[in-house]
Amino acid sequence: MIYRTVLSKQIARILTCLAFLFCHREALIAQDHVAPEPQAAPFKLHLAHILGFEDISNNANGDLLIQDGYLRFQENETSSAQIPIGCIQDLTIGEQDKQVGGRSMTMAKMAAPYGGGRVISLFSHKKYDTVTLEYVDPNGGLHGAIFQLNKGEGQVLKSELEASGQISAWKNKTPKGSTQEDKE
């Protein structure tokens, strides 16, 4: 008797599942279609354009975008400059150290007794990455642009440009101070 009630409960569950699947078959079939992939958001970095682009003022802050095969610097809504990513010949990443604090920090260093200004100088520096791009314009002229980014963002930009798949092979440069010896 117990065996029959357990068996009948299992059959009832199976029939309930089958009825549910039968009633909702159209909704389940409609979910099999693959929705079109949304377009990826453009890569965006906020940085400073030191110099290089003609229509952009020197030391201008703005956004650097990688989108639709172009590297675009946009200072504001009206002024922007762009170059095709495939025209970039080389990218060099450097580091820069900049003292922060302005006049007030300088005054505090001068006022610190017993040479304490030197200690303040140790902590009043900020590190930046500089990125130098060499690119060719449509007429074959070689140009360059220099950008200042937060520390670590230079390598992110380089990786993102390489991932776009439109970069010609970067030149393999040896860093300053290192030498290559010929094996002869």
N, C-alpha and C. Protein backbone atom coordinates (compact mmCIF):
# COMPACT_ATOMS: atom_id res chain seq x y z
N MET A 1 0.82 -1.18 0.00
CA MET A 1 0.00 0.00 0.00
C MET A 1 0.87 1.26 0.00
N ILE A 2 1.91 1.29 0.83
CA ILE A 2 2.80 2.45 0.88
C ILE A 2 3.53 2.57 -0.44
N TYR A 3 3.89 1.42 -1.05
CA TYR A 3 4.61 1.44 -2.30
C TYR A 3 3.77 2.09 -3.39
N ARG A 4 2.44 1.81 -3.40
CA ARG A 4 1.56 2.36 -4.42
C ARG A 4 1.40 3.87 -4.25
N THR A 5 1.33 4.37 -3.03
CA THR A 5 1.18 5.82 -2.82
C THR A 5 2.45 6.57 -3.21
N VAL A 6 3.62 6.01 -2.94
CA VAL A 6 4.88 6.64 -3.33
C VAL A 6 4.99 6.65 -4.85
N LEU A 7 4.62 5.52 -5.48
CA LEU A 7 4.67 5.43 -6.93
C LEU A 7 3.68 6.38 -7.58
N SER A 8 2.52 6.51 -7.03
CA SER A 8 1.52 7.42 -7.60
C SER A 8 1.94 8.88 -7.43
N LYS A 9 2.62 9.22 -6.33
CA LYS A 9 3.12 10.59 -6.14
C LYS A 9 4.20 10.91 -7.17
N GLN A 10 5.08 9.95 -7.46
CA GLN A 10 6.13 10.17 -8.44
C GLN A 10 5.54 10.33 -9.85
N ILE A 11 4.56 9.53 -10.15
CA ILE A 11 3.90 9.64 -11.46
C ILE A 11 3.19 10.98 -11.56
N ALA A 12 2.57 11.41 -10.49
CA ALA A 12 1.89 12.70 -10.50
C ALA A 12 2.89 13.83 -10.73
N ARG A 13 4.07 13.77 -10.13
CA ARG A 13 5.09 14.78 -10.33
C ARG A 13 5.58 14.79 -11.78
N ILE A 14 5.79 13.61 -12.34
CA ILE A 14 6.25 13.52 -13.73
C ILE A 14 5.19 14.09 -14.66
N LEU A 15 3.94 13.77 -14.42
CA LEU A 15 2.86 14.29 -15.27
C LEU A 15 2.72 15.81 -15.13
N THR A 16 2.95 16.33 -13.94
CA THR A 16 2.91 17.78 -13.73
C THR A 16 4.03 18.47 -14.50
N CYS A 17 5.23 17.90 -14.46
CA CYS A 17 6.37 18.47 -15.20
C CYS A 17 6.10 18.44 -16.70
N LEU A 18 5.58 17.32 -17.19
CA LEU A 18 5.28 17.21 -18.62
C LEU A 18 4.19 18.21 -19.03
N ALA A 19 3.19 18.39 -18.20
CA ALA A 19 2.13 19.36 -18.51
C ALA A 19 2.69 20.77 -18.53
N PHE A 20 3.57 21.07 -17.60
CA PHE A 20 4.19 22.40 -17.58
C PHE A 20 5.01 22.64 -18.85
N LEU A 21 5.84 21.65 -19.22
CA LEU A 21 6.65 21.79 -20.43
C LEU A 21 5.77 21.92 -21.67
N PHE A 22 4.67 21.14 -21.73
CA PHE A 22 3.78 21.20 -22.88
C PHE A 22 3.12 22.58 -22.99
N CYS A 23 2.68 23.13 -21.86
CA CYS A 23 2.00 24.43 -21.88
C CYS A 23 2.96 25.58 -22.20
N HIS A 24 4.20 25.46 -21.83
CA HIS A 24 5.15 26.53 -22.02
C HIS A 24 6.16 26.24 -23.13
N ARG A 25 5.83 25.35 -24.04
CA ARG A 25 6.78 24.96 -25.09
C ARG A 25 7.10 26.12 -26.02
N GLU A 26 6.14 26.98 -26.31
CA GLU A 26 6.38 28.10 -27.22
C GLU A 26 7.35 29.11 -26.60
N ALA A 27 7.20 29.34 -25.32
CA ALA A 27 8.11 30.27 -24.65
C ALA A 27 9.52 29.68 -24.59
N LEU A 28 9.63 28.38 -24.35
CA LEU A 28 10.94 27.75 -24.30
C LEU A 28 11.61 27.73 -25.68
N ILE A 29 10.82 27.51 -26.72
CA ILE A 29 11.38 27.50 -28.08
C ILE A 29 11.83 28.90 -28.47
N ALA A 30 11.08 29.91 -28.08
CA ALA A 30 11.43 31.29 -28.42
C ALA A 30 12.75 31.70 -27.78
N GLN A 31 13.12 31.09 -26.66
CA GLN A 31 14.36 31.43 -26.00
C GLN A 31 15.58 30.80 -26.66
N ASP A 32 15.36 29.86 -27.58
CA ASP A 32 16.48 29.22 -28.27
C ASP A 32 17.17 30.15 -29.25
N HIS A 33 16.49 31.17 -29.71
CA HIS A 33 17.09 32.09 -30.67
C HIS A 33 18.13 32.95 -29.97
N VAL A 34 19.27 33.13 -30.63
CA VAL A 34 20.35 33.91 -30.06
C VAL A 34 20.09 35.39 -30.36
N ALA A 35 20.09 36.17 -29.32
CA ALA A 35 19.89 37.61 -29.48
C ALA A 35 21.17 38.22 -30.06
N PRO A 36 21.05 39.25 -30.88
CA PRO A 36 22.26 39.88 -31.41
C PRO A 36 23.09 40.48 -30.28
N GLU A 37 24.42 40.34 -30.42
CA GLU A 37 25.31 40.85 -29.39
C GLU A 37 25.33 42.37 -29.41
N PRO A 38 25.23 42.99 -28.25
CA PRO A 38 25.36 44.45 -28.23
C PRO A 38 26.79 44.84 -28.56
N GLN A 39 26.96 45.99 -29.20
CA GLN A 39 28.29 46.45 -29.53
C GLN A 39 29.05 46.79 -28.25
N ALA A 40 30.31 46.44 -28.27
CA ALA A 40 31.14 46.68 -27.10
C ALA A 40 31.32 48.19 -26.89
N ALA A 41 31.32 48.58 -25.65
CA ALA A 41 31.54 50.00 -25.34
C ALA A 41 32.97 50.36 -25.70
N PRO A 42 33.19 51.59 -26.16
CA PRO A 42 34.55 51.97 -26.53
C PRO A 42 35.45 52.04 -25.30
N PHE A 43 36.73 51.73 -25.51
CA PHE A 43 37.73 51.87 -24.46
C PHE A 43 37.96 53.35 -24.24
N LYS A 44 37.98 53.79 -22.98
CA LYS A 44 38.07 55.22 -22.69
C LYS A 44 39.01 55.45 -21.52
N LEU A 45 39.94 56.40 -21.69
CA LEU A 45 40.85 56.83 -20.62
C LEU A 45 40.81 58.34 -20.52
N HIS A 46 40.83 58.85 -19.31
CA HIS A 46 40.93 60.30 -19.12
C HIS A 46 42.41 60.61 -18.90
N LEU A 47 42.95 61.53 -19.71
CA LEU A 47 44.37 61.82 -19.67
C LEU A 47 44.64 63.24 -20.13
N ALA A 48 45.92 63.60 -20.18
CA ALA A 48 46.33 64.92 -20.65
C ALA A 48 47.09 64.77 -21.96
N HIS A 49 46.73 65.58 -22.95
CA HIS A 49 47.43 65.63 -24.23
C HIS A 49 48.53 66.67 -24.07
N ILE A 50 49.78 66.23 -24.01
CA ILE A 50 50.89 67.15 -23.81
C ILE A 50 51.14 67.95 -25.08
N LEU A 51 51.35 67.26 -26.18
CA LEU A 51 51.49 67.92 -27.48
C LEU A 51 51.40 66.90 -28.60
N GLY A 52 51.19 67.40 -29.82
CA GLY A 52 51.20 66.50 -30.97
C GLY A 52 50.05 66.70 -31.93
N PHE A 53 48.83 66.73 -31.46
CA PHE A 53 47.69 66.91 -32.35
C PHE A 53 47.51 68.38 -32.68
N GLU A 54 47.33 68.70 -33.96
CA GLU A 54 47.28 70.08 -34.41
C GLU A 54 46.09 70.85 -33.86
N ASP A 55 44.92 70.26 -33.88
CA ASP A 55 43.70 70.98 -33.49
C ASP A 55 43.44 70.99 -31.99
N ILE A 56 44.32 70.37 -31.22
CA ILE A 56 44.14 70.29 -29.77
C ILE A 56 45.24 71.12 -29.10
N SER A 57 44.86 71.92 -28.13
CA SER A 57 45.86 72.75 -27.44
C SER A 57 46.77 71.88 -26.57
N ASN A 58 47.99 72.37 -26.34
CA ASN A 58 48.94 71.66 -25.51
C ASN A 58 48.45 71.62 -24.07
N ASN A 59 48.77 70.54 -23.36
CA ASN A 59 48.39 70.33 -21.96
C ASN A 59 46.88 70.33 -21.75
N ALA A 60 46.14 69.86 -22.76
CA ALA A 60 44.67 69.80 -22.66
C ALA A 60 44.26 68.47 -22.03
N ASN A 61 43.32 68.53 -21.11
CA ASN A 61 42.75 67.33 -20.51
C ASN A 61 41.56 66.88 -21.32
N GLY A 62 41.40 65.57 -21.46
CA GLY A 62 40.27 65.04 -22.22
C GLY A 62 40.24 63.53 -22.14
N ASP A 63 39.44 62.94 -23.03
CA ASP A 63 39.26 61.50 -23.06
C ASP A 63 39.88 60.92 -24.31
N LEU A 64 40.57 59.80 -24.17
CA LEU A 64 41.14 59.07 -25.28
C LEU A 64 40.27 57.85 -25.50
N LEU A 65 39.70 57.72 -26.69
CA LEU A 65 38.78 56.63 -27.00
C LEU A 65 39.38 55.73 -28.07
N ILE A 66 39.14 54.44 -27.97
CA ILE A 66 39.46 53.50 -29.03
C ILE A 66 38.13 52.95 -29.50
N GLN A 67 37.74 53.32 -30.73
CA GLN A 67 36.44 52.92 -31.22
C GLN A 67 36.43 52.93 -32.74
N ASP A 68 35.85 51.89 -33.33
CA ASP A 68 35.66 51.78 -34.77
C ASP A 68 36.96 51.93 -35.55
N GLY A 69 38.06 51.41 -35.03
CA GLY A 69 39.33 51.46 -35.73
C GLY A 69 40.06 52.78 -35.63
N TYR A 70 39.63 53.67 -34.76
CA TYR A 70 40.28 54.97 -34.60
C TYR A 70 40.69 55.18 -33.15
N LEU A 71 41.77 55.92 -32.98
CA LEU A 71 42.20 56.42 -31.69
C LEU A 71 41.81 57.89 -31.68
N ARG A 72 40.89 58.25 -30.80
CA ARG A 72 40.31 59.60 -30.82
C ARG A 72 40.53 60.28 -29.48
N PHE A 73 41.11 61.49 -29.54
CA PHE A 73 41.24 62.31 -28.34
C PHE A 73 40.18 63.39 -28.41
N GLN A 74 39.36 63.49 -27.39
CA GLN A 74 38.27 64.46 -27.36
C GLN A 74 38.44 65.34 -26.13
N GLU A 75 38.78 66.61 -26.41
CA GLU A 75 38.97 67.58 -25.33
C GLU A 75 37.61 68.00 -24.77
N ASN A 76 36.72 68.35 -25.63
CA ASN A 76 35.35 68.71 -25.25
C ASN A 76 34.44 68.32 -26.42
N GLU A 77 33.21 68.76 -26.40
CA GLU A 77 32.25 68.37 -27.44
C GLU A 77 32.62 68.89 -28.82
N THR A 78 33.34 70.00 -28.89
CA THR A 78 33.61 70.60 -30.19
C THR A 78 35.00 70.29 -30.73
N SER A 79 36.00 70.10 -29.89
CA SER A 79 37.35 69.87 -30.40
C SER A 79 37.78 68.43 -30.15
N SER A 80 38.19 67.78 -31.23
CA SER A 80 38.69 66.42 -31.12
C SER A 80 39.65 66.16 -32.27
N ALA A 81 40.48 65.16 -32.11
CA ALA A 81 41.41 64.73 -33.15
C ALA A 81 41.42 63.22 -33.15
N GLN A 82 41.59 62.63 -34.33
CA GLN A 82 41.60 61.18 -34.41
C GLN A 82 42.60 60.70 -35.45
N ILE A 83 43.10 59.49 -35.23
CA ILE A 83 43.99 58.85 -36.19
C ILE A 83 43.56 57.39 -36.32
N PRO A 84 43.69 56.81 -37.51
CA PRO A 84 43.40 55.38 -37.65
C PRO A 84 44.42 54.56 -36.87
N ILE A 85 43.95 53.56 -36.17
CA ILE A 85 44.84 52.75 -35.35
C ILE A 85 45.88 52.05 -36.21
N GLY A 86 45.53 51.66 -37.42
CA GLY A 86 46.46 50.99 -38.30
C GLY A 86 47.62 51.86 -38.73
N CYS A 87 47.51 53.17 -38.58
CA CYS A 87 48.60 54.09 -38.96
C CYS A 87 49.63 54.28 -37.86
N ILE A 88 49.38 53.74 -36.67
CA ILE A 88 50.33 53.90 -35.57
C ILE A 88 51.53 53.02 -35.84
N GLN A 89 52.70 53.62 -35.88
CA GLN A 89 53.94 52.90 -36.16
C GLN A 89 54.63 52.41 -34.89
N ASP A 90 54.56 53.20 -33.82
CA ASP A 90 55.28 52.84 -32.60
C ASP A 90 54.60 53.48 -31.40
N LEU A 91 54.75 52.84 -30.26
CA LEU A 91 54.23 53.36 -29.00
C LEU A 91 55.30 53.13 -27.95
N THR A 92 55.67 54.19 -27.25
CA THR A 92 56.68 54.11 -26.22
C THR A 92 56.08 54.56 -24.90
N ILE A 93 56.33 53.80 -23.85
CA ILE A 93 55.82 54.13 -22.52
C ILE A 93 57.00 54.55 -21.65
N GLY A 94 56.84 55.68 -20.96
CA GLY A 94 57.86 56.16 -20.04
C GLY A 94 57.24 56.52 -18.71
N GLU A 95 58.08 56.82 -17.74
CA GLU A 95 57.61 57.23 -16.42
C GLU A 95 58.08 58.63 -16.13
N GLN A 96 57.27 59.36 -15.41
CA GLN A 96 57.60 60.72 -15.05
C GLN A 96 57.23 60.93 -13.58
N ASP A 97 58.04 61.70 -12.90
CA ASP A 97 57.82 62.01 -11.50
C ASP A 97 57.55 63.49 -11.40
N LYS A 98 56.46 63.87 -10.75
CA LYS A 98 56.07 65.27 -10.69
C LYS A 98 55.80 65.66 -9.25
N GLN A 99 56.32 66.81 -8.84
CA GLN A 99 56.07 67.29 -7.49
C GLN A 99 54.69 67.93 -7.44
N VAL A 100 53.94 67.61 -6.43
CA VAL A 100 52.59 68.15 -6.27
C VAL A 100 52.55 69.11 -5.09
N GLY A 101 51.54 69.92 -5.03
CA GLY A 101 51.36 70.80 -3.88
C GLY A 101 51.48 72.27 -4.20
N GLY A 102 52.20 72.63 -5.25
CA GLY A 102 52.31 74.03 -5.66
C GLY A 102 53.03 74.89 -4.65
N ARG A 103 52.63 76.17 -4.60
CA ARG A 103 53.29 77.15 -3.72
C ARG A 103 53.11 76.83 -2.25
N SER A 104 51.93 76.35 -1.89
CA SER A 104 51.69 76.07 -0.47
C SER A 104 52.61 74.96 0.03
N MET A 105 52.87 73.97 -0.80
CA MET A 105 53.78 72.90 -0.39
C MET A 105 55.21 73.42 -0.30
N THR A 106 55.59 74.30 -1.23
CA THR A 106 56.93 74.89 -1.19
C THR A 106 57.12 75.71 0.08
N MET A 107 56.11 76.48 0.45
CA MET A 107 56.19 77.29 1.67
C MET A 107 56.27 76.40 2.91
N ALA A 108 55.54 75.30 2.91
CA ALA A 108 55.57 74.39 4.06
C ALA A 108 56.95 73.74 4.19
N LYS A 109 57.58 73.43 3.05
CA LYS A 109 58.92 72.84 3.10
C LYS A 109 59.93 73.84 3.64
N MET A 110 59.79 75.11 3.25
CA MET A 110 60.72 76.12 3.74
C MET A 110 60.52 76.39 5.22
N ALA A 111 59.30 76.27 5.71
CA ALA A 111 59.00 76.57 7.10
C ALA A 111 59.31 75.41 8.05
N ALA A 112 59.50 74.23 7.51
CA ALA A 112 59.76 73.06 8.37
C ALA A 112 61.14 73.19 9.00
N PRO A 113 61.22 73.05 10.34
CA PRO A 113 62.52 73.21 11.01
C PRO A 113 63.39 71.97 10.86
N TYR A 114 64.70 72.18 11.06
CA TYR A 114 65.70 71.11 11.11
C TYR A 114 65.72 70.26 9.83
N GLY A 115 65.56 70.88 8.68
CA GLY A 115 65.65 70.15 7.41
C GLY A 115 64.46 69.26 7.14
N GLY A 116 63.35 69.53 7.79
CA GLY A 116 62.15 68.71 7.60
C GLY A 116 61.54 68.87 6.21
N GLY A 117 61.93 69.93 5.50
CA GLY A 117 61.43 70.13 4.15
C GLY A 117 61.86 69.03 3.21
N ARG A 118 63.03 68.47 3.47
CA ARG A 118 63.49 67.36 2.64
C ARG A 118 62.62 66.13 2.83
N VAL A 119 62.17 65.90 4.04
CA VAL A 119 61.29 64.77 4.30
C VAL A 119 59.95 64.98 3.62
N ILE A 120 59.45 66.22 3.65
CA ILE A 120 58.19 66.52 2.98
C ILE A 120 58.34 66.28 1.48
N SER A 121 59.49 66.62 0.92
CA SER A 121 59.71 66.41 -0.51
C SER A 121 59.64 64.94 -0.90
N LEU A 122 60.01 64.06 0.01
CA LEU A 122 59.94 62.63 -0.29
C LEU A 122 58.52 62.17 -0.56
N PHE A 123 57.56 62.80 0.11
CA PHE A 123 56.17 62.35 0.01
C PHE A 123 55.31 63.24 -0.88
N SER A 124 55.88 64.27 -1.46
CA SER A 124 55.07 65.19 -2.26
C SER A 124 55.28 65.00 -3.76
N HIS A 125 55.53 63.77 -4.16
CA HIS A 125 55.70 63.46 -5.58
C HIS A 125 54.63 62.48 -6.02
N LYS A 126 54.23 62.62 -7.28
CA LYS A 126 53.27 61.70 -7.88
C LYS A 126 53.88 61.17 -9.17
N LYS A 127 53.72 59.88 -9.43
CA LYS A 127 54.27 59.26 -10.62
C LYS A 127 53.21 59.18 -11.71
N TYR A 128 53.65 59.42 -12.93
CA TYR A 128 52.78 59.37 -14.10
C TYR A 128 53.42 58.49 -15.17
N ASP A 129 52.60 58.00 -16.08
CA ASP A 129 53.10 57.35 -17.29
C ASP A 129 53.00 58.36 -18.43
N THR A 130 53.99 58.34 -19.31
CA THR A 130 53.90 59.13 -20.54
C THR A 130 53.88 58.14 -21.69
N VAL A 131 53.01 58.39 -22.65
CA VAL A 131 52.89 57.55 -23.83
C VAL A 131 53.18 58.41 -25.04
N THR A 132 54.12 57.97 -25.86
CA THR A 132 54.47 58.66 -27.09
C THR A 132 54.05 57.77 -28.26
N LEU A 133 53.22 58.33 -29.14
CA LEU A 133 52.76 57.62 -30.33
C LEU A 133 53.46 58.19 -31.55
N GLU A 134 53.91 57.32 -32.43
CA GLU A 134 54.40 57.74 -33.73
C GLU A 134 53.41 57.20 -34.75
N TYR A 135 52.91 58.06 -35.63
CA TYR A 135 51.93 57.62 -36.61
C TYR A 135 52.18 58.30 -37.94
N VAL A 136 51.63 57.71 -38.99
CA VAL A 136 51.78 58.21 -40.35
C VAL A 136 50.44 58.79 -40.79
N ASP A 137 50.47 60.02 -41.36
CA ASP A 137 49.24 60.62 -41.86
C ASP A 137 48.93 60.07 -43.26
N PRO A 138 47.76 60.39 -43.82
CA PRO A 138 47.38 59.87 -45.14
C PRO A 138 48.36 60.26 -46.26
N ASN A 139 49.11 61.34 -46.09
CA ASN A 139 50.08 61.77 -47.10
C ASN A 139 51.44 61.13 -46.91
N GLY A 140 51.61 60.28 -45.90
CA GLY A 140 52.88 59.61 -45.65
C GLY A 140 53.80 60.34 -44.70
N GLY A 141 53.35 61.45 -44.12
CA GLY A 141 54.17 62.20 -43.17
C GLY A 141 54.18 61.55 -41.81
N LEU A 142 55.34 61.56 -41.16
CA LEU A 142 55.48 60.97 -39.84
C LEU A 142 55.17 62.02 -38.78
N HIS A 143 54.33 61.68 -37.81
CA HIS A 143 53.92 62.59 -36.75
C HIS A 143 54.03 61.88 -35.40
N GLY A 144 53.90 62.64 -34.35
CA GLY A 144 53.94 62.09 -33.01
C GLY A 144 52.98 62.81 -32.08
N ALA A 145 52.60 62.15 -31.02
CA ALA A 145 51.74 62.74 -29.99
C ALA A 145 52.19 62.19 -28.64
N ILE A 146 52.16 63.05 -27.63
CA ILE A 146 52.57 62.65 -26.28
C ILE A 146 51.40 62.86 -25.34
N PHE A 147 51.15 61.83 -24.51
CA PHE A 147 50.05 61.87 -23.54
C PHE A 147 50.60 61.58 -22.15
N GLN A 148 49.95 62.14 -21.14
CA GLN A 148 50.30 61.88 -19.75
C GLN A 148 49.12 61.18 -19.09
N LEU A 149 49.39 60.01 -18.51
CA LEU A 149 48.35 59.19 -17.89
C LEU A 149 48.72 58.89 -16.45
N ASN A 150 47.77 58.38 -15.70
CA ASN A 150 48.06 57.92 -14.34
C ASN A 150 48.96 56.70 -14.40
N LYS A 151 49.70 56.46 -13.34
CA LYS A 151 50.65 55.35 -13.29
C LYS A 151 49.94 54.03 -13.58
N GLY A 152 50.50 53.25 -14.51
CA GLY A 152 49.95 51.94 -14.86
C GLY A 152 49.00 51.95 -16.04
N GLU A 153 48.45 53.10 -16.38
CA GLU A 153 47.49 53.16 -17.48
C GLU A 153 48.17 53.12 -18.86
N GLY A 154 49.46 53.41 -18.92
CA GLY A 154 50.18 53.35 -20.19
C GLY A 154 50.19 51.93 -20.75
N GLN A 155 50.45 50.96 -19.89
CA GLN A 155 50.47 49.56 -20.34
C GLN A 155 49.07 49.10 -20.70
N VAL A 156 48.06 49.59 -20.00
CA VAL A 156 46.67 49.25 -20.32
C VAL A 156 46.32 49.75 -21.73
N LEU A 157 46.73 50.99 -22.03
CA LEU A 157 46.48 51.56 -23.36
C LEU A 157 47.18 50.75 -24.43
N LYS A 158 48.43 50.38 -24.21
CA LYS A 158 49.18 49.60 -25.18
C LYS A 158 48.51 48.25 -25.42
N SER A 159 48.09 47.58 -24.35
CA SER A 159 47.42 46.29 -24.48
C SER A 159 46.11 46.41 -25.24
N GLU A 160 45.38 47.47 -24.99
CA GLU A 160 44.10 47.68 -25.66
C GLU A 160 44.31 47.94 -27.15
N LEU A 161 45.34 48.69 -27.50
CA LEU A 161 45.64 48.93 -28.91
C LEU A 161 46.08 47.64 -29.60
N GLU A 162 46.87 46.84 -28.94
CA GLU A 162 47.29 45.57 -29.51
C GLU A 162 46.11 44.63 -29.66
N ALA A 163 45.18 44.65 -28.73
CA ALA A 163 44.02 43.77 -28.78
C ALA A 163 43.06 44.17 -29.91
N SER A 164 43.14 45.40 -30.38
CA SER A 164 42.24 45.83 -31.46
C SER A 164 42.55 45.09 -32.75
N GLY A 165 43.76 44.52 -32.87
CA GLY A 165 44.10 43.72 -34.03
C GLY A 165 44.46 44.52 -35.27
N GLN A 166 44.54 45.82 -35.18
CA GLN A 166 44.82 46.64 -36.35
C GLN A 166 46.20 47.27 -36.29
N ILE A 167 47.01 46.84 -35.34
CA ILE A 167 48.34 47.43 -35.16
C ILE A 167 49.34 46.64 -35.97
N SER A 168 50.18 47.35 -36.71
CA SER A 168 51.33 46.69 -37.32
C SER A 168 52.29 46.35 -36.20
N ALA A 169 53.19 45.44 -36.44
CA ALA A 169 54.09 44.95 -35.38
C ALA A 169 54.86 46.11 -34.77
N TRP A 170 54.86 46.16 -33.43
CA TRP A 170 55.61 47.20 -32.73
C TRP A 170 57.09 46.96 -32.95
N LYS A 171 57.82 48.04 -32.97
CA LYS A 171 59.27 47.91 -33.06
C LYS A 171 59.79 47.39 -31.73
N ASN A 172 60.70 46.45 -31.79
CA ASN A 172 61.29 45.93 -30.55
C ASN A 172 62.49 46.79 -30.20
N LYS A 173 62.32 47.65 -29.22
CA LYS A 173 63.38 48.54 -28.78
C LYS A 173 63.96 48.01 -27.49
N THR A 174 65.26 48.14 -27.35
CA THR A 174 65.87 47.80 -26.07
C THR A 174 65.82 49.03 -25.19
N PRO A 175 65.48 48.87 -23.92
CA PRO A 175 65.41 50.02 -23.02
C PRO A 175 66.78 50.67 -22.87
N LYS A 176 66.77 51.96 -22.55
CA LYS A 176 68.02 52.68 -22.35
C LYS A 176 68.79 52.05 -21.20
N GLY A 177 70.10 51.97 -21.41
CA GLY A 177 70.94 51.42 -20.37
C GLY A 177 71.20 49.93 -20.54
N SER A 178 70.47 49.25 -21.42
CA SER A 178 70.72 47.83 -21.62
C SER A 178 71.42 47.65 -22.96
N THR A 179 72.23 46.62 -23.06
CA THR A 179 72.97 46.37 -24.28
C THR A 179 72.73 44.95 -24.72
N GLN A 180 72.88 44.75 -26.03
CA GLN A 180 72.79 43.41 -26.57
C GLN A 180 74.18 43.05 -27.08
N GLU A 181 74.66 41.90 -26.71
CA GLU A 181 75.99 41.47 -27.13
C GLU A 181 75.86 40.51 -28.29
N ASP A 182 76.74 40.67 -29.26
CA ASP A 182 76.79 39.73 -30.37
C ASP A 182 77.55 38.50 -29.93
N LYS A 183 77.04 37.35 -30.32
CA LYS A 183 77.70 36.10 -29.96
C LYS A 183 78.63 35.72 -31.10
N GLU A 184 79.86 36.18 -31.03
CA GLU A 184 80.88 35.87 -32.04
C GLU A 184 82.17 35.54 -31.37
